[in-house]
């Protein structure tokens, strides 16, 4: 079992080397360098508690405008992708019910992420594969500004998928395995 700090370090390395290093998200580097990303580690929770932790993180962002985004990390729960998808669906519904629609959005990352209608072993899935199950809370106003300033925001997903095919599944699989070895 990894300590909270080991979990955070693995996620930071993933953000630094994959998300920023491969430019999967052209907006992440600024926040990473400025240290405006929160990395709460949530352990041993059921679905209801996981949703409560998500809501608490939204409130934390409300109270801390200096933080830009939060990666809520569930290192011990939601290991099965379809259980995780249930969490994502309920989290999105909770955001609407709690009045956060239009304020925050959720991006989802999981070690076994599979896009709907895509084969499980397709390289494109690595755009959303992470060391642990993660719910990424994004400030919508900030995302809107970043997207509006980018020359080709619509092209980002296609470019990322193309890069995944170019790098190959072995590259990403090995990266994620190496993270787990580096305690």
N, C-alpha and C. Protein backbone atom coordinates (compact mmCIF):
# COMPACT_ATOMS: atom_id res chain seq x y z
N UNK A 1 0.84 -1.18 0.00
CA UNK A 1 0.00 0.00 0.00
C UNK A 1 0.89 1.24 0.00
N UNK A 2 0.52 2.19 -0.82
CA UNK A 2 1.27 3.42 -0.94
C UNK A 2 0.79 4.43 0.09
N UNK A 3 1.72 5.23 0.60
CA UNK A 3 1.35 6.33 1.48
C UNK A 3 0.66 7.40 0.63
N UNK A 4 -0.01 8.33 1.29
CA UNK A 4 -0.64 9.43 0.56
C UNK A 4 0.40 10.18 -0.27
N UNK A 5 1.57 10.43 0.31
CA UNK A 5 2.60 11.18 -0.41
C UNK A 5 3.10 10.40 -1.63
N UNK A 6 3.20 9.08 -1.53
CA UNK A 6 3.61 8.28 -2.69
C UNK A 6 2.55 8.35 -3.79
N UNK A 7 1.29 8.31 -3.41
CA UNK A 7 0.20 8.42 -4.38
C UNK A 7 0.27 9.78 -5.08
N UNK A 8 0.44 10.82 -4.31
CA UNK A 8 0.53 12.18 -4.87
C UNK A 8 1.74 12.29 -5.78
N UNK A 9 2.87 11.76 -5.35
CA UNK A 9 4.08 11.83 -6.17
C UNK A 9 3.89 11.10 -7.50
N UNK A 10 3.24 9.95 -7.47
CA UNK A 10 2.99 9.21 -8.71
C UNK A 10 2.08 10.02 -9.64
N UNK A 11 1.05 10.62 -9.07
CA UNK A 11 0.15 11.43 -9.89
C UNK A 11 0.86 12.66 -10.45
N UNK A 12 1.68 13.30 -9.63
CA UNK A 12 2.43 14.46 -10.12
C UNK A 12 3.38 14.06 -11.25
N UNK A 13 4.03 12.92 -11.11
CA UNK A 13 4.94 12.46 -12.16
C UNK A 13 4.16 12.17 -13.44
N UNK A 14 2.99 11.55 -13.30
CA UNK A 14 2.13 11.29 -14.46
C UNK A 14 1.72 12.61 -15.14
N UNK A 15 1.30 13.59 -14.34
CA UNK A 15 0.92 14.89 -14.89
C UNK A 15 2.12 15.52 -15.60
N UNK A 16 3.27 15.50 -14.95
CA UNK A 16 4.47 16.13 -15.50
C UNK A 16 4.95 15.45 -16.78
N UNK A 17 5.06 14.14 -16.77
CA UNK A 17 5.67 13.43 -17.90
C UNK A 17 4.70 13.06 -19.02
N UNK A 18 3.44 12.81 -18.67
CA UNK A 18 2.47 12.40 -19.70
C UNK A 18 1.57 13.56 -20.09
N UNK A 19 0.85 14.09 -19.14
CA UNK A 19 -0.13 15.15 -19.44
C UNK A 19 0.56 16.40 -19.98
N UNK A 20 1.64 16.82 -19.33
CA UNK A 20 2.38 18.00 -19.78
C UNK A 20 3.45 17.61 -20.79
N UNK A 21 4.22 16.59 -20.47
CA UNK A 21 5.35 16.19 -21.31
C UNK A 21 4.95 15.82 -22.73
N UNK A 22 3.80 15.17 -22.87
CA UNK A 22 3.31 14.82 -24.20
C UNK A 22 2.29 15.84 -24.71
N UNK A 23 2.06 16.88 -23.92
CA UNK A 23 1.15 17.97 -24.26
C UNK A 23 -0.29 17.49 -24.48
N UNK A 24 -0.69 16.47 -23.70
CA UNK A 24 -2.09 16.02 -23.76
C UNK A 24 -3.03 17.16 -23.39
N UNK A 25 -2.61 17.95 -22.40
CA UNK A 25 -3.40 19.12 -22.02
C UNK A 25 -2.49 20.34 -22.09
N UNK A 26 -2.65 21.16 -23.11
CA UNK A 26 -1.77 22.33 -23.26
C UNK A 26 -2.00 23.39 -22.18
N UNK A 27 -2.99 23.19 -21.33
CA UNK A 27 -3.31 24.16 -20.28
C UNK A 27 -2.75 23.75 -18.92
N UNK A 28 -2.19 22.56 -18.80
CA UNK A 28 -1.79 22.02 -17.50
C UNK A 28 -0.46 22.56 -16.99
N UNK A 29 0.45 22.87 -17.88
CA UNK A 29 1.80 23.23 -17.44
C UNK A 29 1.81 24.44 -16.51
N UNK A 30 1.09 25.47 -16.88
CA UNK A 30 1.05 26.69 -16.07
C UNK A 30 0.60 26.37 -14.64
N UNK A 31 -0.45 25.58 -14.52
CA UNK A 31 -0.99 25.27 -13.18
C UNK A 31 -0.03 24.37 -12.41
N UNK A 32 0.61 23.45 -13.10
CA UNK A 32 1.57 22.54 -12.46
C UNK A 32 2.76 23.34 -11.92
N UNK A 33 3.31 24.22 -12.75
CA UNK A 33 4.47 25.02 -12.37
C UNK A 33 4.12 25.99 -11.24
N UNK A 34 2.92 26.57 -11.31
CA UNK A 34 2.50 27.53 -10.28
C UNK A 34 1.96 26.84 -9.02
N UNK A 35 1.92 25.51 -9.05
CA UNK A 35 1.47 24.72 -7.90
C UNK A 35 0.04 25.08 -7.48
N UNK A 36 -0.84 25.20 -8.48
CA UNK A 36 -2.24 25.53 -8.21
C UNK A 36 -3.17 24.33 -8.43
N UNK A 37 -2.58 23.14 -8.34
CA UNK A 37 -3.34 21.90 -8.45
C UNK A 37 -3.36 21.23 -7.08
N UNK A 38 -4.54 20.88 -6.61
CA UNK A 38 -4.66 20.14 -5.34
C UNK A 38 -4.74 18.65 -5.67
N UNK A 39 -4.18 17.82 -4.78
CA UNK A 39 -4.14 16.37 -4.98
C UNK A 39 -4.66 15.65 -3.73
N UNK A 40 -5.92 15.81 -3.38
CA UNK A 40 -6.42 15.08 -2.21
C UNK A 40 -6.50 13.58 -2.48
N UNK A 41 -6.06 12.81 -1.52
CA UNK A 41 -6.11 11.35 -1.59
C UNK A 41 -7.26 10.90 -0.71
N UNK A 42 -8.19 10.18 -1.29
CA UNK A 42 -9.39 9.73 -0.57
C UNK A 42 -9.34 8.20 -0.49
N UNK A 43 -9.36 7.69 0.72
CA UNK A 43 -9.18 6.25 0.92
C UNK A 43 -10.39 5.60 1.59
N UNK A 44 -10.52 4.31 1.28
CA UNK A 44 -11.50 3.45 1.96
C UNK A 44 -12.88 4.05 2.03
N UNK A 45 -13.43 4.38 0.89
CA UNK A 45 -14.75 5.00 0.84
C UNK A 45 -15.71 4.14 0.03
N UNK A 46 -16.97 4.27 0.38
CA UNK A 46 -18.01 3.69 -0.47
C UNK A 46 -18.44 4.78 -1.45
N UNK A 47 -19.39 4.47 -2.28
CA UNK A 47 -19.83 5.41 -3.31
C UNK A 47 -20.34 6.71 -2.70
N UNK A 48 -21.16 6.61 -1.67
CA UNK A 48 -21.72 7.82 -1.04
C UNK A 48 -20.61 8.69 -0.44
N UNK A 49 -19.65 8.07 0.22
CA UNK A 49 -18.54 8.84 0.81
C UNK A 49 -17.65 9.45 -0.25
N UNK A 50 -17.46 8.73 -1.35
CA UNK A 50 -16.65 9.26 -2.44
C UNK A 50 -17.31 10.50 -3.03
N UNK A 51 -18.62 10.46 -3.18
CA UNK A 51 -19.35 11.62 -3.69
C UNK A 51 -19.28 12.78 -2.70
N UNK A 52 -19.35 12.46 -1.41
CA UNK A 52 -19.23 13.51 -0.39
C UNK A 52 -17.85 14.15 -0.46
N UNK A 53 -16.81 13.34 -0.68
CA UNK A 53 -15.46 13.89 -0.77
C UNK A 53 -15.33 14.81 -1.99
N UNK A 54 -15.99 14.45 -3.08
CA UNK A 54 -15.98 15.29 -4.27
C UNK A 54 -16.64 16.64 -3.98
N UNK A 55 -17.77 16.58 -3.30
CA UNK A 55 -18.47 17.81 -2.94
C UNK A 55 -17.62 18.68 -2.00
N UNK A 56 -16.94 18.05 -1.07
CA UNK A 56 -16.05 18.79 -0.17
C UNK A 56 -14.93 19.47 -0.95
N UNK A 57 -14.44 18.81 -1.98
CA UNK A 57 -13.38 19.41 -2.79
C UNK A 57 -13.91 20.58 -3.62
N UNK A 58 -15.13 20.50 -4.07
CA UNK A 58 -15.74 21.64 -4.77
C UNK A 58 -15.85 22.82 -3.81
N UNK A 59 -16.28 22.57 -2.60
CA UNK A 59 -16.38 23.64 -1.60
C UNK A 59 -15.01 24.20 -1.28
N UNK A 60 -14.00 23.32 -1.24
CA UNK A 60 -12.62 23.77 -1.00
C UNK A 60 -12.17 24.71 -2.12
N UNK A 61 -12.48 24.35 -3.36
CA UNK A 61 -12.15 25.24 -4.47
C UNK A 61 -12.91 26.56 -4.37
N UNK A 62 -14.16 26.50 -3.93
CA UNK A 62 -14.94 27.72 -3.73
C UNK A 62 -14.22 28.67 -2.76
N UNK A 63 -13.67 28.08 -1.71
CA UNK A 63 -13.04 28.87 -0.64
C UNK A 63 -11.59 29.24 -0.93
N UNK A 64 -11.01 28.63 -1.97
CA UNK A 64 -9.59 28.87 -2.29
C UNK A 64 -9.43 29.20 -3.78
N UNK A 65 -9.74 30.44 -4.14
CA UNK A 65 -9.64 30.83 -5.56
C UNK A 65 -8.22 30.75 -6.11
N UNK A 66 -7.22 30.70 -5.23
CA UNK A 66 -5.84 30.57 -5.70
C UNK A 66 -5.56 29.18 -6.27
N UNK A 67 -6.39 28.20 -5.92
CA UNK A 67 -6.28 26.86 -6.51
C UNK A 67 -7.05 26.85 -7.82
N UNK A 68 -6.46 26.28 -8.83
CA UNK A 68 -7.11 26.27 -10.14
C UNK A 68 -7.91 24.99 -10.39
N UNK A 69 -7.40 23.88 -9.89
CA UNK A 69 -8.00 22.60 -10.23
C UNK A 69 -7.65 21.57 -9.16
N UNK A 70 -8.40 20.48 -9.14
CA UNK A 70 -8.18 19.44 -8.14
C UNK A 70 -8.26 18.06 -8.80
N UNK A 71 -7.30 17.23 -8.47
CA UNK A 71 -7.34 15.83 -8.87
C UNK A 71 -7.69 15.03 -7.61
N UNK A 72 -8.94 14.57 -7.53
CA UNK A 72 -9.37 13.77 -6.39
C UNK A 72 -8.98 12.32 -6.71
N UNK A 73 -8.09 11.77 -5.90
CA UNK A 73 -7.47 10.48 -6.18
C UNK A 73 -8.04 9.41 -5.24
N UNK A 74 -8.48 8.31 -5.82
CA UNK A 74 -9.05 7.19 -5.07
C UNK A 74 -8.15 5.96 -5.26
N UNK A 75 -7.04 5.85 -4.51
CA UNK A 75 -6.07 4.78 -4.78
C UNK A 75 -6.54 3.37 -4.42
N UNK A 76 -7.55 3.26 -3.57
CA UNK A 76 -7.98 1.94 -3.11
C UNK A 76 -9.39 1.56 -3.56
N UNK A 77 -10.08 2.47 -4.14
CA UNK A 77 -11.46 2.22 -4.51
C UNK A 77 -11.66 2.40 -6.01
N UNK A 78 -12.77 1.85 -6.49
CA UNK A 78 -13.18 2.01 -7.89
C UNK A 78 -12.14 1.46 -8.87
N UNK A 79 -11.51 0.36 -8.46
CA UNK A 79 -10.50 -0.27 -9.31
C UNK A 79 -11.13 -0.88 -10.57
N UNK A 80 -12.36 -1.35 -10.45
CA UNK A 80 -13.05 -1.88 -11.62
C UNK A 80 -13.63 -0.70 -12.39
N UNK A 81 -13.32 -0.65 -13.67
CA UNK A 81 -13.68 0.50 -14.48
C UNK A 81 -15.18 0.78 -14.47
N UNK A 82 -16.00 -0.26 -14.50
CA UNK A 82 -17.45 -0.02 -14.56
C UNK A 82 -17.99 0.50 -13.23
N UNK A 83 -17.35 0.14 -12.12
CA UNK A 83 -17.70 0.76 -10.83
C UNK A 83 -17.32 2.24 -10.85
N UNK A 84 -16.17 2.51 -11.43
CA UNK A 84 -15.70 3.89 -11.56
C UNK A 84 -16.66 4.71 -12.43
N UNK A 85 -17.13 4.12 -13.54
CA UNK A 85 -18.07 4.85 -14.39
C UNK A 85 -19.35 5.20 -13.65
N UNK A 86 -19.77 4.32 -12.75
CA UNK A 86 -20.94 4.64 -11.92
C UNK A 86 -20.63 5.85 -11.05
N UNK A 87 -19.43 5.90 -10.48
CA UNK A 87 -19.02 7.06 -9.69
C UNK A 87 -19.05 8.33 -10.55
N UNK A 88 -18.49 8.26 -11.74
CA UNK A 88 -18.46 9.43 -12.63
C UNK A 88 -19.88 9.91 -12.95
N UNK A 89 -20.75 8.99 -13.30
CA UNK A 89 -22.13 9.35 -13.62
C UNK A 89 -22.82 10.01 -12.42
N UNK A 90 -22.67 9.41 -11.26
CA UNK A 90 -23.31 9.98 -10.07
C UNK A 90 -22.67 11.32 -9.69
N UNK A 91 -21.36 11.45 -9.90
CA UNK A 91 -20.66 12.71 -9.60
C UNK A 91 -21.18 13.83 -10.51
N UNK A 92 -21.36 13.52 -11.77
CA UNK A 92 -21.88 14.54 -12.69
C UNK A 92 -23.30 14.95 -12.30
N UNK A 93 -24.12 13.99 -11.90
CA UNK A 93 -25.48 14.31 -11.43
C UNK A 93 -25.44 15.14 -10.16
N UNK A 94 -24.51 14.81 -9.26
CA UNK A 94 -24.37 15.56 -8.01
C UNK A 94 -23.97 17.01 -8.29
N UNK A 95 -23.10 17.21 -9.25
CA UNK A 95 -22.67 18.57 -9.58
C UNK A 95 -23.88 19.42 -10.00
N UNK A 96 -24.77 18.83 -10.77
CA UNK A 96 -25.98 19.54 -11.20
C UNK A 96 -26.87 19.80 -9.99
N UNK A 97 -27.10 18.77 -9.19
CA UNK A 97 -28.01 18.88 -8.04
C UNK A 97 -27.52 19.90 -7.01
N UNK A 98 -26.21 20.04 -6.89
CA UNK A 98 -25.65 20.95 -5.89
C UNK A 98 -25.37 22.35 -6.44
N UNK A 99 -25.79 22.60 -7.68
CA UNK A 99 -25.63 23.93 -8.26
C UNK A 99 -24.26 24.23 -8.82
N UNK A 100 -23.48 23.20 -9.06
CA UNK A 100 -22.14 23.40 -9.60
C UNK A 100 -22.06 23.28 -11.13
N UNK A 101 -23.17 23.00 -11.77
CA UNK A 101 -23.18 22.96 -13.23
C UNK A 101 -22.83 24.35 -13.75
N UNK A 102 -21.87 24.41 -14.66
CA UNK A 102 -21.41 25.69 -15.18
C UNK A 102 -20.31 26.32 -14.35
N UNK A 103 -20.08 25.80 -13.16
CA UNK A 103 -19.02 26.30 -12.28
C UNK A 103 -17.80 25.39 -12.40
N UNK A 104 -18.05 24.09 -12.23
CA UNK A 104 -17.00 23.08 -12.34
C UNK A 104 -17.45 22.00 -13.30
N UNK A 105 -16.47 21.37 -13.93
CA UNK A 105 -16.76 20.18 -14.72
C UNK A 105 -15.81 19.08 -14.26
N UNK A 106 -16.17 17.87 -14.58
CA UNK A 106 -15.37 16.73 -14.17
C UNK A 106 -14.76 16.08 -15.41
N UNK A 107 -13.47 15.82 -15.32
CA UNK A 107 -12.77 14.99 -16.31
C UNK A 107 -12.41 13.70 -15.59
N UNK A 108 -12.46 12.59 -16.31
CA UNK A 108 -12.26 11.30 -15.65
C UNK A 108 -11.02 10.58 -16.17
N UNK A 109 -10.30 9.99 -15.22
CA UNK A 109 -9.08 9.23 -15.52
C UNK A 109 -9.08 7.97 -14.68
N UNK A 110 -8.62 6.88 -15.29
CA UNK A 110 -8.63 5.58 -14.61
C UNK A 110 -7.54 4.71 -15.22
N UNK A 111 -6.94 3.82 -14.44
CA UNK A 111 -5.90 2.94 -14.99
C UNK A 111 -6.37 2.05 -16.13
N UNK A 112 -7.66 1.74 -16.17
CA UNK A 112 -8.21 0.86 -17.21
C UNK A 112 -9.22 1.59 -18.09
N UNK A 113 -9.04 2.89 -18.26
CA UNK A 113 -10.00 3.69 -19.01
C UNK A 113 -10.22 3.12 -20.42
N UNK A 114 -11.49 3.04 -20.81
CA UNK A 114 -11.86 2.60 -22.15
C UNK A 114 -12.97 3.53 -22.64
N UNK A 115 -12.75 4.15 -23.78
CA UNK A 115 -13.78 4.99 -24.38
C UNK A 115 -14.91 4.11 -24.90
N UNK A 116 -16.11 4.61 -24.81
CA UNK A 116 -17.29 3.90 -25.31
C UNK A 116 -17.12 3.61 -26.81
N UNK A 117 -17.32 2.36 -27.16
CA UNK A 117 -17.23 1.97 -28.56
C UNK A 117 -15.83 1.72 -29.07
N UNK A 118 -14.85 1.76 -28.18
CA UNK A 118 -13.45 1.55 -28.55
C UNK A 118 -12.97 0.26 -27.90
N UNK A 119 -12.16 -0.50 -28.60
CA UNK A 119 -11.63 -1.74 -28.04
C UNK A 119 -10.78 -1.46 -26.81
N UNK A 120 -10.82 -2.37 -25.87
CA UNK A 120 -10.10 -2.20 -24.61
C UNK A 120 -8.59 -1.99 -24.82
N UNK A 121 -8.03 -2.64 -25.82
CA UNK A 121 -6.59 -2.54 -26.05
C UNK A 121 -6.20 -1.45 -27.06
N UNK A 122 -7.15 -0.61 -27.43
CA UNK A 122 -6.86 0.47 -28.38
C UNK A 122 -6.00 1.53 -27.70
N UNK A 123 -4.97 1.97 -28.39
CA UNK A 123 -4.03 2.95 -27.84
C UNK A 123 -4.71 4.27 -27.44
N UNK A 124 -5.79 4.63 -28.10
CA UNK A 124 -6.45 5.90 -27.79
C UNK A 124 -6.91 6.01 -26.35
N UNK A 125 -7.16 4.87 -25.71
CA UNK A 125 -7.61 4.88 -24.32
C UNK A 125 -6.57 5.49 -23.37
N UNK A 126 -5.31 5.49 -23.78
CA UNK A 126 -4.25 6.00 -22.91
C UNK A 126 -4.33 7.51 -22.71
N UNK A 127 -5.13 8.21 -23.49
CA UNK A 127 -5.29 9.65 -23.24
C UNK A 127 -5.96 9.87 -21.88
N UNK A 128 -6.68 8.87 -21.37
CA UNK A 128 -7.39 9.01 -20.10
C UNK A 128 -6.99 7.95 -19.07
N UNK A 129 -5.87 7.29 -19.31
CA UNK A 129 -5.39 6.30 -18.33
C UNK A 129 -4.42 6.98 -17.38
N UNK A 130 -4.56 6.64 -16.11
CA UNK A 130 -3.82 7.28 -15.04
C UNK A 130 -3.33 6.23 -14.04
N UNK A 131 -2.48 6.63 -13.10
CA UNK A 131 -1.99 5.66 -12.13
C UNK A 131 -3.08 5.12 -11.20
N UNK A 132 -4.08 5.95 -10.90
CA UNK A 132 -5.17 5.60 -9.98
C UNK A 132 -6.49 6.16 -10.53
N UNK A 133 -7.63 5.69 -10.04
CA UNK A 133 -8.88 6.35 -10.39
C UNK A 133 -8.87 7.81 -9.90
N UNK A 134 -9.20 8.72 -10.78
CA UNK A 134 -9.14 10.16 -10.47
C UNK A 134 -10.38 10.84 -11.03
N UNK A 135 -10.94 11.74 -10.23
CA UNK A 135 -11.93 12.69 -10.71
C UNK A 135 -11.26 14.05 -10.72
N UNK A 136 -11.16 14.65 -11.87
CA UNK A 136 -10.50 15.94 -12.05
C UNK A 136 -11.56 17.03 -12.07
N UNK A 137 -11.51 17.90 -11.09
CA UNK A 137 -12.46 19.01 -11.01
C UNK A 137 -11.81 20.23 -11.66
N UNK A 138 -12.49 20.76 -12.67
CA UNK A 138 -11.94 21.86 -13.45
C UNK A 138 -12.86 23.07 -13.33
N UNK A 139 -12.29 24.23 -13.10
CA UNK A 139 -13.07 25.47 -13.09
C UNK A 139 -13.48 25.78 -14.54
N UNK A 140 -14.77 25.84 -14.78
CA UNK A 140 -15.24 26.05 -16.15
C UNK A 140 -14.84 27.42 -16.71
N UNK A 141 -14.87 28.46 -15.89
CA UNK A 141 -14.50 29.79 -16.39
C UNK A 141 -13.05 29.81 -16.85
N UNK A 142 -12.18 29.16 -16.10
CA UNK A 142 -10.77 29.09 -16.47
C UNK A 142 -10.59 28.27 -17.73
N UNK A 143 -11.31 27.17 -17.82
CA UNK A 143 -11.21 26.32 -19.01
C UNK A 143 -11.70 27.09 -20.24
N UNK A 144 -12.78 27.83 -20.10
CA UNK A 144 -13.29 28.63 -21.22
C UNK A 144 -12.24 29.63 -21.70
N UNK A 145 -11.58 30.31 -20.75
CA UNK A 145 -10.54 31.28 -21.14
C UNK A 145 -9.39 30.59 -21.86
N UNK A 146 -8.95 29.45 -21.32
CA UNK A 146 -7.83 28.73 -21.93
C UNK A 146 -8.17 28.21 -23.31
N UNK A 147 -9.36 27.67 -23.46
CA UNK A 147 -9.79 27.14 -24.75
C UNK A 147 -9.90 28.27 -25.77
N UNK A 148 -10.46 29.41 -25.35
CA UNK A 148 -10.60 30.54 -26.27
C UNK A 148 -9.26 31.11 -26.71
N UNK A 149 -8.23 30.94 -25.88
CA UNK A 149 -6.90 31.45 -26.22
C UNK A 149 -6.08 30.46 -27.04
N UNK A 150 -6.54 29.22 -27.14
CA UNK A 150 -5.79 28.19 -27.86
C UNK A 150 -6.11 28.26 -29.35
N UNK A 151 -5.12 28.11 -30.22
CA UNK A 151 -5.37 28.23 -31.66
C UNK A 151 -6.23 27.11 -32.26
N UNK A 152 -6.24 25.92 -31.63
CA UNK A 152 -7.00 24.80 -32.20
C UNK A 152 -7.49 23.86 -31.11
N UNK A 153 -8.40 24.31 -30.25
CA UNK A 153 -8.84 23.44 -29.15
C UNK A 153 -9.56 22.19 -29.63
N UNK A 154 -10.27 22.28 -30.76
CA UNK A 154 -10.99 21.12 -31.26
C UNK A 154 -10.04 20.02 -31.74
N UNK A 155 -8.83 20.40 -32.11
CA UNK A 155 -7.85 19.44 -32.61
C UNK A 155 -7.10 18.69 -31.52
N UNK A 156 -7.22 19.14 -30.26
CA UNK A 156 -6.45 18.53 -29.18
C UNK A 156 -6.74 17.03 -29.04
N UNK A 157 -8.00 16.60 -28.95
CA UNK A 157 -8.24 15.15 -28.79
C UNK A 157 -7.68 14.31 -29.93
N UNK A 158 -7.84 14.75 -31.17
CA UNK A 158 -7.33 13.99 -32.30
C UNK A 158 -5.80 13.93 -32.28
N UNK A 159 -5.16 15.03 -31.92
CA UNK A 159 -3.71 15.06 -31.84
C UNK A 159 -3.24 14.10 -30.74
N UNK A 160 -3.94 14.08 -29.60
CA UNK A 160 -3.57 13.19 -28.51
C UNK A 160 -3.71 11.73 -28.90
N UNK A 161 -4.80 11.40 -29.58
CA UNK A 161 -5.02 10.02 -30.02
C UNK A 161 -3.93 9.61 -31.02
N UNK A 162 -3.62 10.51 -31.94
CA UNK A 162 -2.57 10.23 -32.92
C UNK A 162 -1.24 9.97 -32.21
N UNK A 163 -0.94 10.75 -31.20
CA UNK A 163 0.29 10.56 -30.43
C UNK A 163 0.28 9.22 -29.69
N UNK A 164 -0.87 8.83 -29.17
CA UNK A 164 -0.98 7.53 -28.50
C UNK A 164 -0.67 6.39 -29.46
N UNK A 165 -1.18 6.48 -30.67
CA UNK A 165 -0.88 5.46 -31.67
C UNK A 165 0.61 5.46 -32.01
N UNK A 166 1.17 6.64 -32.12
CA UNK A 166 2.60 6.76 -32.46
C UNK A 166 3.48 6.18 -31.35
N UNK A 167 3.17 6.51 -30.11
CA UNK A 167 3.96 6.02 -28.97
C UNK A 167 3.73 4.53 -28.73
N UNK A 168 2.49 4.10 -28.92
CA UNK A 168 2.15 2.69 -28.73
C UNK A 168 1.78 2.35 -27.30
N UNK A 169 0.98 1.31 -27.16
CA UNK A 169 0.50 0.92 -25.83
C UNK A 169 1.64 0.48 -24.91
N UNK A 170 2.68 -0.11 -25.46
CA UNK A 170 3.81 -0.56 -24.63
C UNK A 170 4.45 0.61 -23.89
N UNK A 171 4.60 1.74 -24.56
CA UNK A 171 5.18 2.94 -23.94
C UNK A 171 4.37 3.35 -22.71
N UNK A 172 3.06 3.46 -22.87
CA UNK A 172 2.21 3.92 -21.77
C UNK A 172 2.09 2.87 -20.67
N UNK A 173 1.95 1.63 -21.06
CA UNK A 173 1.86 0.55 -20.08
C UNK A 173 3.13 0.51 -19.23
N UNK A 174 4.27 0.61 -19.87
CA UNK A 174 5.54 0.58 -19.15
C UNK A 174 5.68 1.78 -18.23
N UNK A 175 5.27 2.94 -18.70
CA UNK A 175 5.33 4.14 -17.87
C UNK A 175 4.52 3.95 -16.59
N UNK A 176 3.29 3.49 -16.73
CA UNK A 176 2.42 3.30 -15.56
C UNK A 176 2.97 2.21 -14.64
N UNK A 177 3.52 1.16 -15.19
CA UNK A 177 4.13 0.11 -14.37
C UNK A 177 5.35 0.64 -13.61
N UNK A 178 6.16 1.43 -14.29
CA UNK A 178 7.34 2.00 -13.63
C UNK A 178 6.96 2.94 -12.49
N UNK A 179 5.88 3.67 -12.64
CA UNK A 179 5.42 4.53 -11.55
C UNK A 179 5.16 3.72 -10.29
N UNK A 180 4.53 2.58 -10.47
CA UNK A 180 4.17 1.73 -9.33
C UNK A 180 5.41 1.13 -8.66
N UNK A 181 6.47 0.94 -9.43
CA UNK A 181 7.71 0.38 -8.87
C UNK A 181 8.51 1.40 -8.09
N UNK A 182 8.37 2.68 -8.44
CA UNK A 182 9.14 3.74 -7.81
C UNK A 182 8.46 4.21 -6.53
N UNK A 183 8.57 3.51 -5.52
CA UNK A 183 7.95 3.90 -4.26
C UNK A 183 8.70 5.04 -3.73
